[in-house]
Amino acid sequence: MEKFIELLPLIIPLLLVQVVLVVYALLVLKKTKRVRGESRLLWILIIVFLNLAGPIIFLIYGRLDDDSSSDDE
């Protein structure tokens, strides 16, 4: 138990980063028009269950288009 308490200052920031990344990736997935593989459910499962790596994989590899760019140019 003492070892866990000693590691707590390292665990809490890591958990916060993980939660923020998951929430951000899910919001981006919701706004993204097209994703690789065309399966949003698969990407949701990857984001949620692969912890820290899932959101990063989606943000780097999963999106096909840039929704922040305007088509009015």
Protein backbone atom coordinates (compact mmCIF):
# COMPACT_ATOMS: atom_id res chain seq x y z
CA MET A 1 0.00 0.00 0.00
CA GLU A 2 2.86 2.38 0.75
CA LYS A 3 4.34 1.75 -2.68
CA PHE A 4 1.01 2.69 -4.29
CA ILE A 5 0.87 5.94 -2.32
CA GLU A 6 4.42 6.74 -3.40
CA LEU A 7 3.45 6.22 -7.06
CA LEU A 8 0.24 8.24 -6.81
CA PRO A 9 1.85 11.54 -7.91
CA LEU A 10 2.87 9.78 -11.15
CA ILE A 11 -0.39 7.89 -11.68
CA ILE A 12 -2.81 10.82 -11.33
CA PRO A 13 -1.33 12.99 -14.13
CA LEU A 14 -1.13 9.95 -16.42
CA LEU A 15 -4.79 9.16 -15.79
CA LEU A 16 -5.74 12.78 -16.44
CA VAL A 17 -3.85 12.79 -19.75
CA GLN A 18 -5.53 9.53 -20.72
CA VAL A 19 -9.04 10.82 -19.97
CA VAL A 20 -8.42 14.10 -21.81
CA LEU A 21 -7.04 12.25 -24.85
CA VAL A 22 -10.00 9.85 -24.96
CA VAL A 23 -12.56 12.65 -24.68
CA TYR A 24 -10.76 14.77 -27.29
CA ALA A 25 -10.41 11.86 -29.73
CA LEU A 26 -14.10 10.97 -29.35
CA LEU A 27 -15.10 14.60 -30.00
CA VAL A 28 -12.87 14.73 -33.09
CA LEU A 29 -14.34 11.42 -34.28
CA LYS A 30 -17.83 12.87 -33.91
CA LYS A 31 -16.89 15.93 -36.01
CA THR A 32 -14.85 14.05 -38.63
CA LYS A 33 -16.77 13.31 -41.82
CA ARG A 34 -14.68 10.37 -43.03
CA VAL A 35 -12.49 7.89 -41.19
CA ARG A 36 -10.21 5.10 -42.36
CA GLY A 37 -12.08 1.83 -42.64
CA GLU A 38 -15.44 3.66 -42.61
CA SER A 39 -16.28 2.05 -39.24
CA ARG A 40 -16.90 4.58 -36.51
CA LEU A 41 -17.80 1.82 -34.04
CA LEU A 42 -14.40 0.19 -34.54
CA TRP A 43 -12.65 3.52 -33.95
CA ILE A 44 -14.72 4.10 -30.79
CA LEU A 45 -13.62 0.70 -29.48
CA ILE A 46 -9.97 1.41 -30.36
CA ILE A 47 -10.07 4.83 -28.68
CA VAL A 48 -11.74 3.58 -25.51
CA PHE A 49 -10.05 0.20 -24.98
CA LEU A 50 -6.47 0.87 -26.11
CA ASN A 51 -6.05 3.43 -23.34
CA LEU A 52 -3.29 5.90 -24.17
CA ALA A 53 -2.40 4.46 -27.59
CA GLY A 54 -5.95 4.31 -29.02
CA PRO A 55 -6.63 8.06 -29.15
CA ILE A 56 -3.13 8.73 -30.48
CA ILE A 57 -3.56 6.10 -33.22
CA PHE A 58 -6.88 7.64 -34.24
CA LEU A 59 -5.59 11.22 -34.24
CA ILE A 60 -2.57 10.28 -36.37
CA TYR A 61 -3.95 7.57 -38.63
CA GLY A 62 -7.76 7.44 -38.40
CA ARG A 63 -8.89 10.74 -39.89
CA LEU A 64 -9.07 11.09 -43.66
CA ASP A 65 -9.99 14.76 -44.01
CA ASP A 66 -9.23 18.02 -42.30
CA ASP A 67 -12.53 19.43 -41.06
CA SER A 68 -10.93 22.71 -40.03
CA SER A 69 -10.26 23.70 -43.65
CA SER A 70 -12.89 25.61 -45.55
CA ASP A 71 -14.23 24.62 -48.97
CA ASP A 72 -15.00 28.27 -49.79
CA GLU A 73 -11.49 28.98 -51.12
